[in-house]
Protein backbone atom coordinates (compact mmCIF):
# COMPACT_ATOMS: atom_id res chain seq x y z
CA MET A 1 0.01 0.01 0.03
CA GLU A 2 1.05 3.76 -0.35
CA ILE A 3 1.02 5.80 2.78
CA ILE A 4 1.59 9.52 2.96
CA HIS A 5 2.48 10.93 6.42
CA VAL A 6 1.77 14.61 6.95
CA SER A 7 3.51 16.38 9.85
CA ALA A 8 5.03 19.70 10.93
CA GLU A 9 8.44 17.98 11.81
CA CYS A 10 10.45 15.12 10.44
CA TYR A 11 14.04 14.25 11.54
CA PRO A 12 16.63 15.09 10.16
CA MET A 13 14.93 17.88 8.10
CA ALA A 14 13.46 19.68 11.16
CA LYS A 15 12.87 18.44 14.68
CA VAL A 16 11.71 20.05 17.90
CA GLY A 17 10.71 16.93 19.88
CA GLY A 18 9.51 13.42 19.64
CA LEU A 19 7.12 14.12 16.73
CA GLY A 20 10.20 14.72 14.50
CA ASP A 21 11.85 11.49 15.60
CA VAL A 22 8.69 9.46 15.09
CA VAL A 23 7.82 10.81 11.51
CA GLY A 24 11.54 10.38 10.68
CA ALA A 25 11.55 6.54 11.64
CA LEU A 26 8.05 5.18 11.22
CA PRO A 27 7.87 5.55 7.46
CA LYS A 28 11.31 3.95 7.17
CA TYR A 29 10.33 0.80 8.94
CA GLN A 30 6.94 0.68 7.16
CA LYS A 31 8.99 0.79 4.00
CA LYS A 32 10.97 -2.27 5.24
CA LEU A 33 7.70 -4.09 5.55
CA GLY A 34 7.24 -3.67 1.71
CA HIS A 35 5.06 -0.52 1.54
CA THR A 36 5.50 2.84 -0.30
CA THR A 37 5.94 5.67 2.18
CA LYS A 38 6.22 9.35 1.82
CA VAL A 39 6.47 12.31 4.29
CA VAL A 40 5.06 15.75 3.49
CA MET A 41 6.04 18.59 5.63
CA PRO A 42 6.57 22.42 5.51
CA MET A 43 9.75 23.63 3.89
CA HIS A 44 11.41 25.02 6.94
CA HIS A 45 14.56 26.95 6.13
CA THR A 46 16.90 24.64 8.10
CA GLN A 47 20.58 23.68 7.52
CA TYR A 48 19.41 20.27 6.11
CA LEU A 49 17.36 22.10 3.38
CA GLU A 50 20.60 23.99 2.40
CA THR A 51 22.88 21.04 2.38
CA HIS A 52 20.74 18.53 0.44
CA HIS A 53 19.50 18.39 -3.06
CA TRP A 54 15.93 18.83 -4.13
CA GLU A 55 13.79 18.99 -7.31
CA VAL A 56 10.63 20.84 -8.00
CA VAL A 57 7.63 18.49 -8.60
CA CYS A 58 4.76 20.98 -8.60
CA LYS A 59 4.02 24.65 -8.77
CA SER A 60 0.39 25.87 -8.31
CA SER A 61 -1.80 28.18 -6.37
CA PHE A 62 -5.01 27.80 -4.23
CA PRO A 63 -7.64 30.25 -2.96
CA PHE A 64 -6.85 31.58 0.52
CA GLY A 65 -9.76 33.93 1.54
CA ASP A 66 -9.99 36.74 -1.06
CA THR A 67 -6.58 36.09 -2.55
CA TYR A 68 -4.55 33.25 -3.99
CA LEU A 69 -1.31 31.85 -2.52
CA ASP A 70 1.38 30.18 -4.71
CA TYR A 71 3.03 27.12 -3.42
CA THR A 72 5.87 24.84 -4.58
CA ILE A 73 6.33 21.16 -3.75
CA ILE A 74 10.00 20.07 -3.68
CA LYS A 75 11.17 16.51 -3.34
CA GLU A 76 14.53 15.47 -1.92
CA ILE A 77 16.92 13.76 -4.43
CA ASN A 78 18.70 10.73 -3.10
CA PRO A 79 17.02 11.17 0.31
CA SER A 80 19.07 10.32 3.38
CA GLN A 81 16.14 8.35 4.64
CA THR A 82 14.69 5.46 2.67
CA PHE A 83 11.33 7.21 2.13
CA ASP A 84 10.45 9.98 -0.21
CA LEU A 85 10.51 13.48 1.62
CA TYR A 86 8.38 16.35 0.18
CA CYS A 87 8.38 19.85 1.38
CA ILE A 88 5.69 22.52 0.73
CA ASP A 89 6.95 26.04 0.27
CA ILE A 90 4.80 29.14 0.50
CA PHE A 91 6.73 32.28 0.22
CA ASN A 92 6.98 34.23 3.47
CA LEU A 93 4.91 31.73 5.34
CA LEU A 94 6.60 28.36 5.49
CA ASP A 95 10.13 29.32 4.41
CA ARG A 96 11.36 30.19 7.90
CA PRO A 97 14.03 28.62 10.18
CA ASN A 98 11.99 27.71 13.17
CA VAL A 99 9.11 25.16 13.09
CA TYR A 100 6.99 26.89 15.64
CA GLY A 101 6.82 30.19 17.61
CA TYR A 102 5.49 32.76 15.14
CA LYS A 103 2.51 34.89 15.72
CA ASP A 104 0.84 33.84 12.45
CA ASP A 105 1.37 30.14 13.14
CA THR A 106 -2.38 29.54 12.72
CA GLU A 107 -2.34 31.08 9.15
CA ARG A 108 0.97 29.14 8.37
CA PHE A 109 -0.29 25.78 9.22
CA LEU A 110 -3.66 26.36 7.76
CA ALA A 111 -2.04 27.31 4.43
CA PHE A 112 0.25 24.29 4.66
CA GLN A 113 -2.83 22.00 4.88
CA LEU A 114 -4.79 23.71 2.19
CA ALA A 115 -1.76 23.51 -0.12
CA PHE A 116 -1.45 19.84 0.67
CA VAL A 117 -4.97 18.76 -0.37
CA HIS A 118 -4.81 21.00 -3.40
CA TRP A 119 -1.69 19.23 -4.55
CA ILE A 120 -2.72 15.60 -3.84
CA ARG A 121 -6.01 15.94 -5.77
CA GLN A 122 -3.83 16.48 -8.82
CA ILE A 123 -1.84 13.22 -8.38
CA ASP A 124 -2.72 10.53 -10.80
CA MET A 125 -2.48 7.61 -8.46
CA LEU A 126 -3.96 8.41 -5.00
CA PRO A 127 -2.45 6.97 -1.85
CA ASP A 128 -4.28 4.30 0.18
CA ILE A 129 -3.75 6.10 3.53
CA VAL A 130 -3.13 9.70 4.50
CA HIS A 131 -1.72 9.57 8.10
CA VAL A 132 -1.74 12.98 9.82
CA HIS A 133 0.19 13.72 12.94
CA ASP A 134 -1.15 16.18 15.62
CA HIS A 135 -3.17 19.37 15.05
CA HIS A 136 -0.91 20.89 12.50
CA ALA A 137 -2.35 18.47 9.97
CA GLY A 138 -5.60 17.91 11.76
CA LEU A 139 -7.88 19.71 9.31
CA ILE A 140 -6.72 17.68 6.34
CA PRO A 141 -9.24 14.83 6.71
CA PHE A 142 -12.11 17.44 6.75
CA PHE A 143 -10.84 19.13 3.70
CA MET A 144 -10.57 15.86 1.80
CA GLN A 145 -14.09 14.83 2.67
CA HIS A 146 -16.04 18.19 2.59
CA PHE A 147 -14.45 20.38 0.11
CA LEU A 148 -16.71 20.18 -2.94
CA GLU A 149 -13.98 20.29 -5.52
CA TYR A 150 -11.97 17.39 -3.72
CA LYS A 151 -14.55 14.52 -3.99
CA ARG A 152 -11.98 12.18 -5.51
CA LEU A 153 -10.11 12.33 -2.28
CA GLN A 154 -13.05 10.89 -0.27
CA SER A 155 -11.98 7.37 -1.04
CA ILE A 156 -8.68 7.77 0.78
CA GLN A 157 -8.64 6.35 4.31
CA THR A 158 -7.28 8.61 7.02
CA VAL A 159 -5.50 8.09 10.29
CA LEU A 160 -4.58 10.53 13.07
CA THR A 161 -1.77 10.00 15.58
CA ILE A 162 -1.97 12.25 18.67
CA HIS A 163 1.54 12.86 20.03
CA ASN A 164 0.33 15.47 22.54
CA ALA A 165 -3.25 16.43 23.14
CA GLU A 166 -2.48 19.48 25.13
CA TYR A 167 -1.88 21.36 21.80
CA GLN A 168 -5.13 21.41 19.80
CA GLY A 169 -4.79 24.03 16.96
CA CYS A 170 -7.66 26.18 18.26
CA MET A 171 -8.73 29.25 16.13
CA ASN A 172 -11.52 31.62 15.82
CA VAL A 173 -14.50 30.43 13.70
CA ASN A 174 -14.10 33.37 11.31
CA MET A 175 -10.95 31.55 9.99
CA VAL A 176 -13.39 29.69 7.70
CA LYS A 177 -13.12 32.78 5.56
CA TYR A 178 -9.87 31.21 4.19
CA PHE A 179 -11.88 28.12 3.10
CA PHE A 180 -13.27 27.57 -0.39
CA SER A 181 -16.07 25.56 -1.93
CA TRP A 182 -16.93 23.59 1.12
CA ASP A 183 -19.99 22.09 2.56
CA THR A 184 -21.05 24.58 5.24
CA TRP A 185 -23.50 22.10 6.66
CA LYS A 186 -20.52 20.36 8.19
CA MET A 187 -19.54 23.28 10.27
CA GLY A 188 -20.14 21.14 13.43
CA LEU A 189 -17.28 18.99 12.56
CA LEU A 190 -14.80 21.88 12.77
CA GLU A 191 -16.24 23.32 16.08
CA TRP A 192 -15.48 22.45 19.68
CA ASP A 193 -16.24 24.71 22.59
CA PHE A 194 -17.32 27.63 20.22
CA GLN A 195 -14.11 27.63 18.20
CA ILE A 196 -12.42 25.75 15.45
CA ASN A 197 -10.46 23.08 17.09
CA SER A 198 -8.06 21.28 14.55
CA LEU A 199 -7.38 18.26 16.77
CA ALA A 200 -10.97 17.76 17.57
CA CYS A 201 -12.01 18.02 13.93
CA ALA A 202 -9.48 15.32 13.10
CA ILE A 203 -10.67 13.01 15.85
CA LYS A 204 -14.28 13.36 14.33
CA CYS A 205 -13.33 12.94 10.72
CA VAL A 206 -10.61 10.25 10.53
CA ASN A 207 -11.23 6.50 10.18
CA LYS A 208 -8.85 5.72 13.08
CA VAL A 209 -7.21 7.66 16.00
CA THR A 210 -4.02 6.45 17.68
CA THR A 211 -2.14 7.68 20.51
CA VAL A 212 1.56 6.99 21.15
CA SER A 213 0.90 4.63 24.22
CA ASN A 214 -1.88 2.78 25.65
CA SER A 215 -1.68 4.37 29.08
CA TYR A 216 -1.85 7.78 27.48
CA LEU A 217 -4.98 6.90 25.73
CA GLN A 218 -6.62 5.73 29.03
CA GLU A 219 -5.50 9.09 30.48
CA LEU A 220 -7.14 11.10 27.74
CA PHE A 221 -10.60 9.68 28.64
CA TYR A 222 -10.46 11.77 31.85
CA ASN A 223 -7.75 14.45 31.24
CA ALA A 224 -7.53 15.70 27.64
CA ASN A 225 -7.42 19.48 28.01
CA GLY A 226 -11.17 19.72 27.38
CA LEU A 227 -11.59 16.91 24.84
CA GLU A 228 -12.56 14.23 27.38
CA LYS A 229 -16.14 13.76 26.11
CA LEU A 230 -14.92 13.59 22.53
CA PHE A 231 -12.58 10.90 23.31
CA GLN A 232 -15.20 8.96 25.23
CA GLN A 233 -17.66 9.45 22.26
CA GLU A 234 -15.01 8.23 19.71
CA LYS A 235 -13.40 5.61 21.86
CA ASN A 236 -14.28 2.82 19.46
CA LYS A 237 -11.97 4.25 16.73
CA CYS A 238 -9.22 4.84 19.20
CA SER A 239 -6.22 2.64 20.10
CA GLY A 240 -2.83 3.07 21.62
CA ILE A 241 0.41 2.13 19.76
CA ILE A 242 3.70 2.60 21.56
CA ASN A 243 6.39 4.47 19.75
CA GLY A 244 9.62 2.83 18.81
CA ILE A 245 13.05 4.31 18.34
CA ASP A 246 15.21 4.19 15.21
CA TYR A 247 17.99 1.55 16.12
CA ASP A 248 20.03 2.75 13.08
CA THR A 249 20.34 6.26 14.53
CA TRP A 250 20.40 5.32 18.20
CA ASN A 251 23.11 2.80 18.39
CA PRO A 252 26.06 2.95 20.79
CA GLN A 253 27.91 0.62 18.58
CA THR A 254 27.96 2.97 15.60
CA ASP A 255 26.87 6.29 16.90
CA ARG A 256 29.09 8.90 15.12
CA PHE A 257 28.41 11.50 17.83
CA ILE A 258 30.03 9.61 20.80
CA LYS A 259 33.55 9.27 21.95
CA GLN A 260 33.73 5.53 22.28
CA PHE A 261 31.54 2.78 20.64
CA TYR A 262 30.33 0.09 22.84
CA HIS A 263 27.60 -2.63 23.24
CA SER A 264 25.96 -4.77 25.96
CA ARG A 265 29.08 -6.85 26.46
CA ASN A 266 31.74 -4.19 26.83
CA PHE A 267 29.64 -1.18 28.03
CA LYS A 268 31.79 -0.67 31.23
CA LYS A 269 34.77 0.62 29.38
CA GLY A 270 32.67 2.32 26.69
CA LYS A 271 30.41 4.27 29.09
CA ALA A 272 33.42 5.25 31.28
CA ILE A 273 35.22 6.86 28.33
CA ASN A 274 32.12 8.70 27.23
CA LYS A 275 31.44 9.80 30.78
CA ASP A 276 34.95 11.04 31.32
CA SER A 277 34.74 13.06 28.06
CA ILE A 278 31.45 14.72 28.96
CA CYS A 279 32.61 15.49 32.60
CA LYS A 280 35.76 17.19 31.26
CA GLN A 281 33.65 19.24 28.80
CA PHE A 282 31.49 20.57 31.62
CA SER A 283 34.10 20.57 34.55
CA LEU A 284 32.40 17.80 36.47
CA ASP A 285 33.79 15.03 38.53
CA SER A 286 33.66 11.68 36.61
CA THR A 287 34.04 9.67 39.78
CA LEU A 288 30.60 10.76 40.88
CA PRO A 289 27.17 9.45 39.41
CA LEU A 290 25.99 11.71 36.58
CA PHE A 291 22.33 12.62 36.31
CA ILE A 292 20.95 14.18 33.20
CA PHE A 293 17.92 15.93 31.96
CA ILE A 294 17.32 16.15 28.24
CA GLY A 295 14.28 17.83 26.79
CA ARG A 296 12.15 20.90 26.26
CA LEU A 297 12.32 23.18 29.29
CA VAL A 298 8.55 23.51 29.82
CA LYS A 299 6.15 22.93 32.66
CA GLU A 300 4.62 19.71 31.16
CA LYS A 301 8.09 18.31 31.49
CA ALA A 302 8.29 19.53 35.08
CA ALA A 303 11.35 21.48 34.14
CA ASP A 304 10.06 24.53 36.12
CA LEU A 305 11.02 22.51 39.32
CA LEU A 306 14.63 21.71 38.31
CA HIS A 307 16.19 24.98 39.65
CA ILE A 308 14.69 23.96 43.10
CA LEU A 309 15.26 20.25 42.86
CA ILE A 310 18.92 20.46 41.93
CA PRO A 311 20.14 22.62 44.83
CA LEU A 312 17.74 20.67 47.14
CA ALA A 313 19.55 17.46 46.03
CA PHE A 314 22.82 18.86 46.99
CA GLU A 315 21.46 20.08 50.32
CA THR A 316 19.87 16.70 51.03
CA TYR A 317 22.64 14.35 49.93
CA GLY A 318 25.76 16.53 49.78
CA TYR A 319 27.99 17.03 46.75
CA CYS A 320 28.06 13.38 45.92
CA LEU A 321 26.51 13.68 42.40
CA ASN A 322 26.61 15.58 39.14
CA PHE A 323 23.60 17.06 37.39
CA LEU A 324 23.61 18.21 33.76
CA VAL A 325 20.66 19.81 31.88
CA LEU A 326 20.31 19.99 28.10
CA GLY A 327 17.38 21.69 26.54
CA ASN A 328 15.58 24.99 25.77
CA GLY A 329 12.17 26.43 25.96
CA ASP A 330 10.57 28.72 28.48
CA ILE A 331 12.72 31.77 28.90
CA GLU A 332 12.13 31.96 32.68
CA ILE A 333 13.05 28.26 33.20
CA GLU A 334 16.16 28.69 31.09
CA ASN A 335 17.17 31.83 33.30
CA ASN A 336 16.48 29.91 36.57
CA LEU A 337 18.70 27.18 35.40
CA LYS A 338 21.53 29.63 34.54
CA ASN A 339 21.16 31.36 37.75
CA ILE A 340 21.93 28.39 39.92
CA LEU A 341 25.20 27.59 38.13
CA PRO A 342 27.60 29.78 40.19
CA ASN A 343 26.65 28.27 43.56
CA HIS A 344 27.08 24.66 42.30
CA PHE A 345 29.84 24.98 39.66
CA GLY A 346 31.81 21.60 39.41
CA TYR A 347 28.70 19.49 40.25
CA TYR A 348 26.11 21.12 38.10
CA HIS A 349 25.98 22.53 34.57
CA SER A 350 23.39 23.32 31.84
CA SER A 351 23.53 23.67 28.13
CA ILE A 352 20.58 25.81 27.21
CA GLU A 353 20.11 24.83 23.61
CA TYR A 354 18.91 22.13 21.16
CA ASN A 355 21.88 20.06 20.44
CA GLU A 356 21.28 16.69 18.80
CA ALA A 357 25.04 15.61 19.01
CA LEU A 358 25.30 16.60 22.66
CA SER A 359 22.12 14.54 23.50
CA HIS A 360 23.74 11.41 22.02
CA GLN A 361 26.98 12.11 24.14
CA LEU A 362 24.92 12.42 27.29
CA TYR A 363 23.03 9.31 26.79
CA ALA A 364 26.26 7.47 26.32
CA GLY A 365 28.00 9.02 29.20
CA ALA A 366 25.35 9.47 32.03
CA ASP A 367 24.53 7.06 34.67
CA PHE A 368 20.89 8.23 35.18
CA LEU A 369 18.32 9.95 32.92
CA PHE A 370 15.71 12.11 34.87
CA MET A 371 12.30 12.41 33.45
CA PRO A 372 9.84 13.88 36.06
CA SER A 373 7.12 14.69 33.43
CA ARG A 374 3.63 16.02 34.41
CA VAL A 375 2.53 14.86 30.95
CA GLU A 376 4.30 12.37 28.71
CA PRO A 377 2.19 10.74 25.99
CA CYS A 378 4.96 8.21 25.11
CA GLY A 379 8.49 9.50 25.69
CA LEU A 380 11.36 8.48 23.62
CA ASN A 381 14.18 9.63 25.92
CA GLN A 382 13.78 6.80 28.22
CA MET A 383 14.10 4.17 25.26
CA TYR A 384 17.22 6.02 24.23
CA ALA A 385 18.56 5.72 27.71
CA LEU A 386 18.01 2.02 27.78
CA ARG A 387 19.78 1.57 24.51
CA TYR A 388 22.90 3.37 25.81
CA GLY A 389 22.74 1.74 29.30
CA THR A 390 21.59 4.76 31.19
CA ILE A 391 19.07 4.09 34.00
CA PRO A 392 15.95 6.00 33.63
CA ILE A 393 14.35 7.71 36.55
CA VAL A 394 10.75 8.41 35.59
CA ARG A 395 7.38 9.42 36.93
CA SER A 396 4.83 6.66 36.20
CA ILE A 397 2.60 8.31 33.69
CA GLY A 398 1.67 7.91 30.12
CA GLY A 399 4.27 6.08 28.10
CA LEU A 400 6.75 6.15 30.84
CA LYS A 401 4.39 3.82 32.73
CA ASP A 402 4.27 1.40 29.81
CA THR A 403 8.00 1.30 29.15
CA VAL A 404 9.84 1.55 32.42
CA ILE A 405 9.57 -1.09 35.33
CA ASP A 406 11.12 -0.27 38.69
CA PHE A 407 14.19 -2.14 39.36
CA VAL A 408 12.76 -3.79 42.68
CA GLU A 409 10.16 -5.48 40.44
CA PRO A 410 10.72 -8.75 38.46
CA ASN A 411 12.71 -7.98 35.33
CA GLY A 412 12.82 -4.31 36.48
CA PHE A 413 15.49 -1.82 35.34
CA GLY A 414 14.46 1.71 36.12
CA ILE A 415 13.45 3.94 39.06
CA CYS A 416 9.86 4.99 39.14
CA PHE A 417 7.90 7.49 41.23
CA ASN A 418 4.28 8.57 41.37
CA ASP A 419 3.96 12.34 41.46
CA ALA A 420 5.55 15.31 39.86
CA ASN A 421 6.51 16.91 43.26
CA LEU A 422 9.72 17.73 44.95
CA LYS A 423 9.32 15.03 47.65
CA ASP A 424 8.97 12.20 45.17
CA MET A 425 11.77 13.62 43.01
CA ILE A 426 14.19 13.79 45.84
CA ASP A 427 13.23 10.42 47.08
CA SER A 428 13.88 9.00 43.64
CA ILE A 429 17.38 10.61 43.54
CA GLY A 430 18.14 9.21 46.98
CA ARG A 431 17.04 5.62 45.62
CA SER A 432 19.44 6.17 42.70
CA LEU A 433 22.34 7.03 44.86
CA GLU A 434 21.75 3.93 47.06
CA LEU A 435 21.54 1.88 43.94
CA TYR A 436 24.70 3.33 42.58
CA LYS A 437 26.59 2.14 45.72
CA ASN A 438 26.14 -1.41 44.52
CA ILE A 439 28.07 -1.30 41.06
CA ASN A 440 27.53 -4.97 40.40
CA THR A 441 23.73 -4.48 40.59
CA VAL A 442 24.12 -1.41 38.38
CA ASN A 443 26.05 -3.17 35.70
CA GLN A 444 23.64 -6.18 35.62
CA ILE A 445 20.75 -3.74 35.20
CA ARG A 446 22.54 -1.92 32.37
CA LYS A 447 23.38 -5.17 30.61
CA ASN A 448 19.80 -6.35 30.84
CA MET A 449 18.23 -3.16 29.67
CA MET A 450 20.51 -2.74 26.69
CA THR A 451 19.02 -5.88 25.25
CA ILE A 452 15.37 -4.63 25.58
CA ASN A 453 13.87 -4.17 22.11
CA TYR A 454 12.01 -0.94 21.68
CA SER A 455 12.76 -0.70 17.89
CA TRP A 456 10.10 0.38 15.30
CA GLN A 457 9.80 -3.15 13.85
CA LYS A 458 6.71 -4.22 16.02
CA SER A 459 5.10 -0.83 16.18
CA ALA A 460 5.37 -0.31 12.42
CA LYS A 461 3.68 -3.75 11.87
CA GLU A 462 0.94 -2.64 14.21
CA TYR A 463 0.24 0.46 12.12
CA ILE A 464 0.17 -1.55 8.97
CA ASP A 465 -2.44 -3.90 10.63
CA LEU A 466 -4.43 -0.81 11.61
CA TYR A 467 -4.47 0.39 7.96
CA ASP A 468 -5.39 -3.08 6.75
CA SER A 469 -8.42 -2.98 9.07
CA ILE A 470 -9.92 0.15 7.27
CA LEU A 471 -8.91 -0.48 3.74
């Protein structure tokens, strides 16, 4: 079958978080199963765009309110991934360096979606599946079904994957002024709580809805940022499929970013060399256990508590550990993390940035990965940590609950806690320090967890089975 994935992000073209990793890997593994896969995304003006070769496959225009917008579809020549990558360029809307964060993001992603459906209606051979990811592509199934000029698209089956239901793509109902030739009797499909809600619209219109873990799906029935009733109404079309990780990209035996290659049989030497390298870079003591936090510095990741937690950990347990933070996001959180550095230099450091290479180096060198998330639909970081022999410390929520078992349980390998509060976090660090004293147990845990398989092979097959069920 032919599958088109539509997303705001796709690694390595443009990535902000887990969405980019998923869309950069799932199509590759679906292609390995014998299917034709394509990804369509906005043409973000990134370094990847500049350093790779592209060809123009379409130039056209579509109505956008009382004007027309010109768009260009480009396709990567000899793509670095195994699937075909297409980008949609709309001058002065989509050709920007950042994926998100502009005041006109609503108009940008609306135009992206309208350009997509305008383009695929011209394709001779239609795909079997259009798979949209999050709200940035959430209106596409509605456009395909209820724009009067796009009737030939109604035969295409559609799937929505929700990576984070906190973000829903809400906009004022007057944004329908940008629509053209559509069935206005279907306005109810667009609306939720007196506004256009892109995510809600997608849930109503697609054939199937997936979330990125089963536990997250269960949570959405009672905590979905206002969409709880909708999830309950549509529960028969919903299922949870846990994300995988790309074992080609995240592989300590071949990772070009790390100092020393290693595997589950020689990880002691490999991790020691990588840890020593990281500690030298950030003026830390490599003889102490190294805790890391990697991710967006936002409240849903509980990053707003880190500047309190880290000094509290030193106050509670003494200077017997190192803590290193990598990420960017909320300016206040960033500044708070910078401000605590002078008082704890030599034991704490932060790198306030998005840095793909450094993240690989941290997974390879760290002893513990700290994930205290308030919301975590799936989480990929804990899977990366397992792959590199770094013990995850996680709050038992969403996908973290589905993928990490506390080390005191049978076949356990991580450290789990219940609530995103300082008490539970400090206690989890204390448990980690006690565990670290027994290096033989730590090494056995590392060896075991490095053999756990969270690759995309199983999950990609589950998506194919889902597509088969609606074709």
